[in-house]
Every structure is written in C-alpha cells, then in structure tokens.
Amino acid sequence: MNRLILLLIGLVSSLAVIQAQDFVVTIHRDTLNCQLGRLKNDVYPIKFLLDDEVFEGTIHKDTIMFFRRNVFRDMYSNRLRSCIRMWI
C-alpha cells in the first residue's frame, strides 16, 4: 500500500514538472512561452505553441539573453507575460 502511494505521488509530481512552462527572452528581445530542454552541444531543444499548433525546434545558447524556468502553469497559460514584458 505504501509503495502504491509513493508511486502515485511521484507520478503526479513528475507530471507537474512536465507541464510547467519556461519564459525565454532572446537577444532580439523576443519572448517565448515554451518548454526549454537541457543544453546539449550548445543548443536547447524547445517546444512552443504558435496559432494553436505545437512546434518543436532548437535554439542556440548564444541567442538567449535570459530565461526563467517554471514561470507558466502550462503551454496555454500566458497570465504573466504582460507583466514580465514591462521589466525588459
């Protein structure tokens, strides 16, 4: 029983991490609400939403000026975007 509860807690917490979205500012001051992967060979894999369609790609580390992890709840949430743009 205890193992089942621990397994469920681990599953729910891992789903929360997968759903969290990151905020990226490029050197051209463009902003992205995206899922930023781990850096590998100077390139980050990203997943983002554009016109209700999910796109995947890569972005070079030198084109990112600033990023913050887990800013948005999910890919469809942009509630903090207008506040963060004022700071840039």
PDB file of N, CA and C in Angstrom:
ATOM      1  N   MET A   1       0.822  -1.196   0.000  1.00  0.00           N
ATOM      2  CA  MET A   1       0.000   0.000   0.000  1.00  0.00           C
ATOM      3  C   MET A   1       0.865   1.258   0.000  1.00  0.00           C
ATOM      4  N   ASN A   2       1.912   1.261   0.845  1.00  0.00           N
ATOM      5  CA  ASN A   2       2.786   2.421   0.920  1.00  0.00           C
ATOM      6  C   ASN A   2       3.510   2.656  -0.405  1.00  0.00           C
ATOM      7  N   ARG A   3       3.911   1.579  -1.072  1.00  0.00           N
ATOM      8  CA  ARG A   3       4.591   1.722  -2.363  1.00  0.00           C
ATOM      9  C   ARG A   3       3.667   2.325  -3.403  1.00  0.00           C
ATOM     10  N   LEU A   4       2.395   1.949  -3.371  1.00  0.00           N
ATOM     11  CA  LEU A   4       1.424   2.494  -4.312  1.00  0.00           C
ATOM     12  C   LEU A   4       1.239   3.992  -4.104  1.00  0.00           C
ATOM     13  N   ILE A   5       1.154   4.401  -2.856  1.00  0.00           N
ATOM     14  CA  ILE A   5       1.004   5.827  -2.547  1.00  0.00           C
ATOM     15  C   ILE A   5       2.238   6.598  -2.990  1.00  0.00           C
ATOM     16  N   LEU A   6       3.431   6.072  -2.714  1.00  0.00           N
ATOM     17  CA  LEU A   6       4.653   6.740  -3.146  1.00  0.00           C
ATOM     18  C   LEU A   6       4.750   6.809  -4.673  1.00  0.00           C
ATOM     19  N   LEU A   7       4.324   5.764  -5.338  1.00  0.00           N
ATOM     20  CA  LEU A   7       4.323   5.761  -6.799  1.00  0.00           C
ATOM     21  C   LEU A   7       3.376   6.818  -7.348  1.00  0.00           C
ATOM     22  N   LEU A   8       2.201   6.929  -6.779  1.00  0.00           N
ATOM     23  CA  LEU A   8       1.237   7.946  -7.228  1.00  0.00           C
ATOM     24  C   LEU A   8       1.742   9.359  -6.967  1.00  0.00           C
ATOM     25  N   ILE A   9       2.354   9.583  -5.826  1.00  0.00           N
ATOM     26  CA  ILE A   9       2.916  10.904  -5.522  1.00  0.00           C
ATOM     27  C   ILE A   9       4.037  11.249  -6.502  1.00  0.00           C
ATOM     28  N   GLY A  10       4.898  10.290  -6.792  1.00  0.00           N
ATOM     29  CA  GLY A  10       5.975  10.517  -7.763  1.00  0.00           C
ATOM     30  C   GLY A  10       5.441  10.798  -9.152  1.00  0.00           C
ATOM     31  N   LEU A  11       4.405  10.090  -9.555  1.00  0.00           N
ATOM     32  CA  LEU A  11       3.806  10.294 -10.871  1.00  0.00           C
ATOM     33  C   LEU A  11       3.176  11.671 -10.987  1.00  0.00           C
ATOM     34  N   VAL A  12       2.429  12.079  -9.982  1.00  0.00           N
ATOM     35  CA  VAL A  12       1.783  13.395 -10.008  1.00  0.00           C
ATOM     36  C   VAL A  12       2.822  14.510 -10.007  1.00  0.00           C
ATOM     37  N   SER A  13       3.876  14.385  -9.217  1.00  0.00           N
ATOM     38  CA  SER A  13       4.897  15.441  -9.172  1.00  0.00           C
ATOM     39  C   SER A  13       5.676  15.510 -10.478  1.00  0.00           C
ATOM     40  N   SER A  14       5.902  14.376 -11.133  1.00  0.00           N
ATOM     41  CA  SER A  14       6.613  14.409 -12.408  1.00  0.00           C
ATOM     42  C   SER A  14       5.746  15.012 -13.495  1.00  0.00           C
ATOM     43  N   LEU A  15       4.443  14.805 -13.449  1.00  0.00           N
ATOM     44  CA  LEU A  15       3.549  15.422 -14.426  1.00  0.00           C
ATOM     45  C   LEU A  15       3.510  16.931 -14.261  1.00  0.00           C
ATOM     46  N   ALA A  16       3.597  17.406 -13.036  1.00  0.00           N
ATOM     47  CA  ALA A  16       3.609  18.845 -12.798  1.00  0.00           C
ATOM     48  C   ALA A  16       4.850  19.482 -13.397  1.00  0.00           C
ATOM     49  N   VAL A  17       5.986  18.816 -13.322  1.00  0.00           N
ATOM     50  CA  VAL A  17       7.223  19.344 -13.894  1.00  0.00           C
ATOM     51  C   VAL A  17       7.145  19.354 -15.417  1.00  0.00           C
ATOM     52  N   ILE A  18       6.568  18.311 -16.001  1.00  0.00           N
ATOM     53  CA  ILE A  18       6.450  18.237 -17.455  1.00  0.00           C
ATOM     54  C   ILE A  18       5.546  19.338 -17.986  1.00  0.00           C
ATOM     55  N   GLN A  19       4.488  19.669 -17.276  1.00  0.00           N
ATOM     56  CA  GLN A  19       3.527  20.657 -17.747  1.00  0.00           C
ATOM     57  C   GLN A  19       4.007  22.095 -17.552  1.00  0.00           C
ATOM     58  N   ALA A  20       4.927  22.340 -16.647  1.00  0.00           N
ATOM     59  CA  ALA A  20       5.388  23.695 -16.381  1.00  0.00           C
ATOM     60  C   ALA A  20       6.110  24.263 -17.593  1.00  0.00           C
ATOM     61  N   GLN A  21       5.902  25.554 -17.827  1.00  0.00           N
ATOM     62  CA  GLN A  21       6.475  26.214 -18.987  1.00  0.00           C
ATOM     63  C   GLN A  21       7.525  27.229 -18.557  1.00  0.00           C
ATOM     64  N   ASP A  22       8.456  27.487 -19.462  1.00  0.00           N
ATOM     65  CA  ASP A  22       9.556  28.398 -19.202  1.00  0.00           C
ATOM     66  C   ASP A  22       9.366  29.693 -19.982  1.00  0.00           C
ATOM     67  N   PHE A  23      10.027  30.734 -19.516  1.00  0.00           N
ATOM     68  CA  PHE A  23       9.984  32.043 -20.162  1.00  0.00           C
ATOM     69  C   PHE A  23      11.377  32.333 -20.707  1.00  0.00           C
ATOM     70  N   VAL A  24      11.472  32.611 -22.007  1.00  0.00           N
ATOM     71  CA  VAL A  24      12.751  32.856 -22.670  1.00  0.00           C
ATOM     72  C   VAL A  24      12.715  34.226 -23.334  1.00  0.00           C
ATOM     73  N   VAL A  25      13.798  34.994 -23.175  1.00  0.00           N
ATOM     74  CA  VAL A  25      13.973  36.265 -23.872  1.00  0.00           C
ATOM     75  C   VAL A  25      15.207  36.122 -24.751  1.00  0.00           C
ATOM     76  N   THR A  26      15.046  36.378 -26.053  1.00  0.00           N
ATOM     77  CA  THR A  26      16.170  36.264 -26.977  1.00  0.00           C
ATOM     78  C   THR A  26      16.962  37.565 -27.010  1.00  0.00           C
ATOM     79  N   ILE A  27      18.088  37.550 -27.697  1.00  0.00           N
ATOM     80  CA  ILE A  27      18.913  38.756 -27.795  1.00  0.00           C
ATOM     81  C   ILE A  27      18.225  39.840 -28.622  1.00  0.00           C
ATOM     82  N   HIS A  28      17.205  39.459 -29.388  1.00  0.00           N
ATOM     83  CA  HIS A  28      16.416  40.437 -30.147  1.00  0.00           C
ATOM     84  C   HIS A  28      15.191  40.896 -29.371  1.00  0.00           C
ATOM     85  N   ARG A  29      15.133  40.538 -28.074  1.00  0.00           N
ATOM     86  CA  ARG A  29      14.066  40.883 -27.145  1.00  0.00           C
ATOM     87  C   ARG A  29      12.709  40.298 -27.521  1.00  0.00           C
ATOM     88  N   ASP A  30      12.729  39.170 -28.215  1.00  0.00           N
ATOM     89  CA  ASP A  30      11.519  38.397 -28.445  1.00  0.00           C
ATOM     90  C   ASP A  30      11.296  37.507 -27.232  1.00  0.00           C
ATOM     91  N   THR A  31      10.050  37.282 -26.870  1.00  0.00           N
ATOM     92  CA  THR A  31       9.747  36.438 -25.726  1.00  0.00           C
ATOM     93  C   THR A  31       9.055  35.168 -26.179  1.00  0.00           C
ATOM     94  N   LEU A  32       9.332  34.097 -25.470  1.00  0.00           N
ATOM     95  CA  LEU A  32       8.735  32.804 -25.762  1.00  0.00           C
ATOM     96  C   LEU A  32       8.209  32.172 -24.487  1.00  0.00           C
ATOM     97  N   ASN A  33       6.990  31.686 -24.550  1.00  0.00           N
ATOM     98  CA  ASN A  33       6.440  30.817 -23.520  1.00  0.00           C
ATOM     99  C   ASN A  33       6.633  29.424 -24.071  1.00  0.00           C
ATOM    100  N   CYS A  34       7.622  28.704 -23.586  1.00  0.00           N
ATOM    101  CA  CYS A  34       7.987  27.434 -24.205  1.00  0.00           C
ATOM    102  C   CYS A  34       8.463  26.443 -23.153  1.00  0.00           C
ATOM    103  N   GLN A  35       8.651  25.231 -23.598  1.00  0.00           N
ATOM    104  CA  GLN A  35       9.271  24.206 -22.783  1.00  0.00           C
ATOM    105  C   GLN A  35      10.721  24.118 -23.229  1.00  0.00           C
ATOM    106  N   LEU A  36      11.639  24.492 -22.365  1.00  0.00           N
ATOM    107  CA  LEU A  36      13.057  24.522 -22.680  1.00  0.00           C
ATOM    108  C   LEU A  36      13.708  23.263 -22.139  1.00  0.00           C
ATOM    109  N   GLY A  37      14.346  22.496 -23.013  1.00  0.00           N
ATOM    110  CA  GLY A  37      15.006  21.260 -22.598  1.00  0.00           C
ATOM    111  C   GLY A  37      16.397  21.512 -22.044  1.00  0.00           C
ATOM    112  N   ARG A  38      17.149  20.449 -21.881  1.00  0.00           N
ATOM    113  CA  ARG A  38      18.513  20.542 -21.350  1.00  0.00           C
ATOM    114  C   ARG A  38      19.496  20.907 -22.458  1.00  0.00           C
ATOM    115  N   LEU A  39      20.475  21.704 -22.099  1.00  0.00           N
ATOM    116  CA  LEU A  39      21.513  22.136 -23.035  1.00  0.00           C
ATOM    117  C   LEU A  39      22.349  20.945 -23.472  1.00  0.00           C
ATOM    118  N   LYS A  40      22.506  20.793 -24.794  1.00  0.00           N
ATOM    119  CA  LYS A  40      23.318  19.713 -25.340  1.00  0.00           C
ATOM    120  C   LYS A  40      23.983  20.231 -26.612  1.00  0.00           C
ATOM    121  N   ASN A  41      25.302  20.242 -26.626  1.00  0.00           N
ATOM    122  CA  ASN A  41      26.086  20.741 -27.770  1.00  0.00           C
ATOM    123  C   ASN A  41      25.744  22.189 -28.106  1.00  0.00           C
ATOM    124  N   ASP A  42      25.631  23.041 -27.082  1.00  0.00           N
ATOM    125  CA  ASP A  42      25.342  24.472 -27.214  1.00  0.00           C
ATOM    126  C   ASP A  42      23.963  24.772 -27.780  1.00  0.00           C
ATOM    127  N   VAL A  43      23.039  23.821 -27.755  1.00  0.00           N
ATOM    128  CA  VAL A  43      21.699  24.004 -28.302  1.00  0.00           C
ATOM    129  C   VAL A  43      20.668  23.505 -27.296  1.00  0.00           C
ATOM    130  N   TYR A  44      19.603  24.310 -27.098  1.00  0.00           N
ATOM    131  CA  TYR A  44      18.483  23.898 -26.261  1.00  0.00           C
ATOM    132  C   TYR A  44      17.349  23.397 -27.157  1.00  0.00           C
ATOM    133  N   PRO A  45      16.776  22.230 -26.872  1.00  0.00           N
ATOM    134  CA  PRO A  45      15.551  21.852 -27.567  1.00  0.00           C
ATOM    135  C   PRO A  45      14.380  22.613 -26.950  1.00  0.00           C
ATOM    136  N   ILE A  46      13.453  23.096 -27.783  1.00  0.00           N
ATOM    137  CA  ILE A  46      12.301  23.824 -27.276  1.00  0.00           C
ATOM    138  C   ILE A  46      11.028  23.282 -27.907  1.00  0.00           C
ATOM    139  N   LYS A  47       9.935  23.486 -27.186  1.00  0.00           N
ATOM    140  CA  LYS A  47       8.605  23.162 -27.678  1.00  0.00           C
ATOM    141  C   LYS A  47       7.740  24.374 -27.350  1.00  0.00           C
ATOM    142  N   PHE A  48       7.033  24.921 -28.351  1.00  0.00           N
ATOM    143  CA  PHE A  48       6.236  26.113 -28.120  1.00  0.00           C
ATOM    144  C   PHE A  48       4.941  26.060 -28.919  1.00  0.00           C
ATOM    145  N   LEU A  49       4.017  26.932 -28.564  1.00  0.00           N
ATOM    146  CA  LEU A  49       2.701  26.988 -29.171  1.00  0.00           C
ATOM    147  C   LEU A  49       2.613  28.229 -30.050  1.00  0.00           C
ATOM    148  N   LEU A  50       2.188  28.055 -31.308  1.00  0.00           N
ATOM    149  CA  LEU A  50       2.009  29.172 -32.231  1.00  0.00           C
ATOM    150  C   LEU A  50       0.734  28.929 -33.024  1.00  0.00           C
ATOM    151  N   ASP A  51      -0.221  29.847 -32.917  1.00  0.00           N
ATOM    152  CA  ASP A  51      -1.517  29.725 -33.599  1.00  0.00           C
ATOM    153  C   ASP A  51      -2.186  28.387 -33.295  1.00  0.00           C
ATOM    154  N   ASP A  52      -2.220  28.037 -32.018  1.00  0.00           N
ATOM    155  CA  ASP A  52      -2.848  26.801 -31.526  1.00  0.00           C
ATOM    156  C   ASP A  52      -2.228  25.531 -32.095  1.00  0.00           C
ATOM    157  N   GLU A  53      -0.984  25.594 -32.518  1.00  0.00           N
ATOM    158  CA  GLU A  53      -0.274  24.431 -33.017  1.00  0.00           C
ATOM    159  C   GLU A  53       1.065  24.328 -32.279  1.00  0.00           C
ATOM    160  N   VAL A  54       1.411  23.124 -31.833  1.00  0.00           N
ATOM    161  CA  VAL A  54       2.649  22.906 -31.087  1.00  0.00           C
ATOM    162  C   VAL A  54       3.793  22.651 -32.063  1.00  0.00           C
ATOM    163  N   PHE A  55       4.879  23.413 -31.899  1.00  0.00           N
ATOM    164  CA  PHE A  55       6.069  23.265 -32.722  1.00  0.00           C
ATOM    165  C   PHE A  55       7.239  22.859 -31.844  1.00  0.00           C
ATOM    166  N   GLU A  56       8.137  22.093 -32.415  1.00  0.00           N
ATOM    167  CA  GLU A  56       9.366  21.717 -31.732  1.00  0.00           C
ATOM    168  C   GLU A  56      10.547  22.179 -32.557  1.00  0.00           C
ATOM    169  N   GLY A  57      11.598  22.592 -31.893  1.00  0.00           N
ATOM    170  CA  GLY A  57      12.790  23.039 -32.587  1.00  0.00           C
ATOM    171  C   GLY A  57      13.947  23.161 -31.624  1.00  0.00           C
ATOM    172  N   THR A  58      14.955  23.909 -32.034  1.00  0.00           N
ATOM    173  CA  THR A  58      16.120  24.144 -31.192  1.00  0.00           C
ATOM    174  C   THR A  58      16.456  25.629 -31.216  1.00  0.00           C
ATOM    175  N   ILE A  59      17.161  26.060 -30.184  1.00  0.00           N
ATOM    176  CA  ILE A  59      17.619  27.441 -30.114  1.00  0.00           C
ATOM    177  C   ILE A  59      19.037  27.419 -29.541  1.00  0.00           C
ATOM    178  N   HIS A  60      19.935  28.156 -30.155  1.00  0.00           N
ATOM    179  CA  HIS A  60      21.334  28.184 -29.726  1.00  0.00           C
ATOM    180  C   HIS A  60      21.461  28.989 -28.437  1.00  0.00           C
ATOM    181  N   LYS A  61      22.361  28.576 -27.577  1.00  0.00           N
ATOM    182  CA  LYS A  61      22.513  29.237 -26.276  1.00  0.00           C
ATOM    183  C   LYS A  61      22.938  30.702 -26.403  1.00  0.00           C
ATOM    184  N   ASP A  62      23.637  31.065 -27.471  1.00  0.00           N
ATOM    185  CA  ASP A  62      24.077  32.450 -27.642  1.00  0.00           C
ATOM    186  C   ASP A  62      22.949  33.391 -28.052  1.00  0.00           C
ATOM    187  N   THR A  63      21.801  32.857 -28.481  1.00  0.00           N
ATOM    188  CA  THR A  63      20.678  33.717 -28.862  1.00  0.00           C
ATOM    189  C   THR A  63      19.722  33.948 -27.700  1.00  0.00           C
ATOM    190  N   ILE A  64      19.978  33.330 -26.558  1.00  0.00           N
ATOM    191  CA  ILE A  64      19.132  33.521 -25.378  1.00  0.00           C
ATOM    192  C   ILE A  64      19.788  34.542 -24.459  1.00  0.00           C
ATOM    193  N   MET A  65      19.074  35.627 -24.186  1.00  0.00           N
ATOM    194  CA  MET A  65      19.571  36.650 -23.281  1.00  0.00           C
ATOM    195  C   MET A  65      19.209  36.311 -21.832  1.00  0.00           C
ATOM    196  N   PHE A  66      18.009  35.760 -21.638  1.00  0.00           N
ATOM    197  CA  PHE A  66      17.502  35.498 -20.291  1.00  0.00           C
ATOM    198  C   PHE A  66      16.484  34.369 -20.368  1.00  0.00           C
ATOM    199  N   PHE A  67      16.470  33.500 -19.376  1.00  0.00           N
ATOM    200  CA  PHE A  67      15.377  32.536 -19.269  1.00  0.00           C
ATOM    201  C   PHE A  67      15.091  32.241 -17.813  1.00  0.00           C
ATOM    202  N   ARG A  68      13.850  31.924 -17.565  1.00  0.00           N
ATOM    203  CA  ARG A  68      13.419  31.553 -16.220  1.00  0.00           C
ATOM    204  C   ARG A  68      12.537  30.320 -16.343  1.00  0.00           C
ATOM    205  N   ARG A  69      12.822  29.338 -15.546  1.00  0.00           N
ATOM    206  CA  ARG A  69      12.096  28.068 -15.610  1.00  0.00           C
ATOM    207  C   ARG A  69      10.817  28.117 -14.771  1.00  0.00           C
ATOM    208  N   ASN A  70       9.820  27.373 -15.220  1.00  0.00           N
ATOM    209  CA  ASN A  70       8.558  27.166 -14.495  1.00  0.00           C
ATOM    210  C   ASN A  70       7.806  28.462 -14.181  1.00  0.00           C
ATOM    211  N   VAL A  71       7.726  29.364 -15.139  1.00  0.00           N
ATOM    212  CA  VAL A  71       7.006  30.616 -14.941  1.00  0.00           C
ATOM    213  C   VAL A  71       5.510  30.423 -15.176  1.00  0.00           C
ATOM    214  N   PHE A  72       5.146  29.672 -16.194  1.00  0.00           N
ATOM    215  CA  PHE A  72       3.757  29.471 -16.554  1.00  0.00           C
ATOM    216  C   PHE A  72       3.302  28.082 -16.142  1.00  0.00           C
ATOM    217  N   ARG A  73       2.001  27.943 -15.905  1.00  0.00           N
ATOM    218  CA  ARG A  73       1.465  26.650 -15.479  1.00  0.00           C
ATOM    219  C   ARG A  73       1.466  25.625 -16.593  1.00  0.00           C
ATOM    220  N   ASP A  74       1.125  26.029 -17.784  1.00  0.00           N
ATOM    221  CA  ASP A  74       1.127  25.119 -18.923  1.00  0.00           C
ATOM    222  C   ASP A  74       1.336  25.916 -20.203  1.00  0.00           C
ATOM    223  N   MET A  75       1.347  25.237 -21.330  1.00  0.00           N
ATOM    224  CA  MET A  75       1.639  25.876 -22.602  1.00  0.00           C
ATOM    225  C   MET A  75       0.569  26.895 -23.001  1.00  0.00           C
ATOM    226  N   TYR A  76      -0.650  26.738 -22.511  1.00  0.00           N
ATOM    227  CA  TYR A  76      -1.746  27.613 -22.892  1.00  0.00           C
ATOM    228  C   TYR A  76      -1.919  28.790 -21.952  1.00  0.00           C
ATOM    229  N   SER A  77      -1.137  28.874 -20.910  1.00  0.00           N
ATOM    230  CA  SER A  77      -1.245  29.951 -19.926  1.00  0.00           C
ATOM    231  C   SER A  77      -0.222  31.041 -20.225  1.00  0.00           C
ATOM    232  N   ASN A  78      -0.680  32.284 -20.310  1.00  0.00           N
ATOM    233  CA  ASN A  78       0.236  33.408 -20.519  1.00  0.00           C
ATOM    234  C   ASN A  78      -0.092  34.559 -19.579  1.00  0.00           C
ATOM    235  N   ARG A  79      -0.582  34.268 -18.413  1.00  0.00           N
ATOM    236  CA  ARG A  79      -1.049  35.295 -17.495  1.00  0.00           C
ATOM    237  C   ARG A  79       0.052  36.239 -17.016  1.00  0.00           C
ATOM    238  N   LEU A  80       1.302  35.835 -16.988  1.00  0.00           N
ATOM    239  CA  LEU A  80       2.378  36.700 -16.518  1.00  0.00           C
ATOM    240  C   LEU A  80       3.123  37.398 -17.645  1.00  0.00           C
ATOM    241  N   ARG A  81       2.823  37.072 -18.872  1.00  0.00           N
ATOM    242  CA  ARG A  81       3.587  37.597 -19.996  1.00  0.00           C
ATOM    243  C   ARG A  81       3.579  39.126 -20.044  1.00  0.00           C
ATOM    244  N   SER A  82       2.442  39.779 -19.857  1.00  0.00           N
ATOM    245  CA  SER A  82       2.393  41.235 -19.963  1.00  0.00           C
ATOM    246  C   SER A  82       3.183  41.892 -18.828  1.00  0.00           C
ATOM    247  N   CYS A  83       3.183  41.315 -17.633  1.00  0.00           N
ATOM    248  CA  CYS A  83       3.947  41.884 -16.520  1.00  0.00           C
ATOM    249  C   CYS A  83       5.444  41.749 -16.763  1.00  0.00           C
ATOM    250  N   ILE A  84       5.870  40.623 -17.277  1.00  0.00           N
ATOM    251  CA  ILE A  84       7.299  40.399 -17.487  1.00  0.00           C
ATOM    252  C   ILE A  84       7.808  41.276 -18.610  1.00  0.00           C
ATOM    253  N   ARG A  85       7.033  41.515 -19.655  1.00  0.00           N
ATOM    254  CA  ARG A  85       7.482  42.363 -20.751  1.00  0.00           C
ATOM    255  C   ARG A  85       7.777  43.790 -20.286  1.00  0.00           C
ATOM    256  N   MET A  86       7.081  44.256 -19.255  1.00  0.00           N
ATOM    257  CA  MET A  86       7.341  45.609 -18.769  1.00  0.00           C
ATOM    258  C   MET A  86       8.737  45.711 -18.154  1.00  0.00           C
ATOM    259  N   TRP A  87       9.265  44.628 -17.614  1.00  0.00           N
ATOM    260  CA  TRP A  87      10.567  44.656 -16.963  1.00  0.00           C
ATOM    261  C   TRP A  87      11.707  44.643 -17.963  1.00  0.00           C
ATOM    262  N   ILE A  88      11.451  44.257 -19.178  1.00  0.00           N
ATOM    263  CA  ILE A  88      12.524  44.086 -20.159  1.00  0.00           C
ATOM    264  C   ILE A  88      12.810  45.383 -20.873  1.00  0.00           C
TER     265      ILE A  88
END
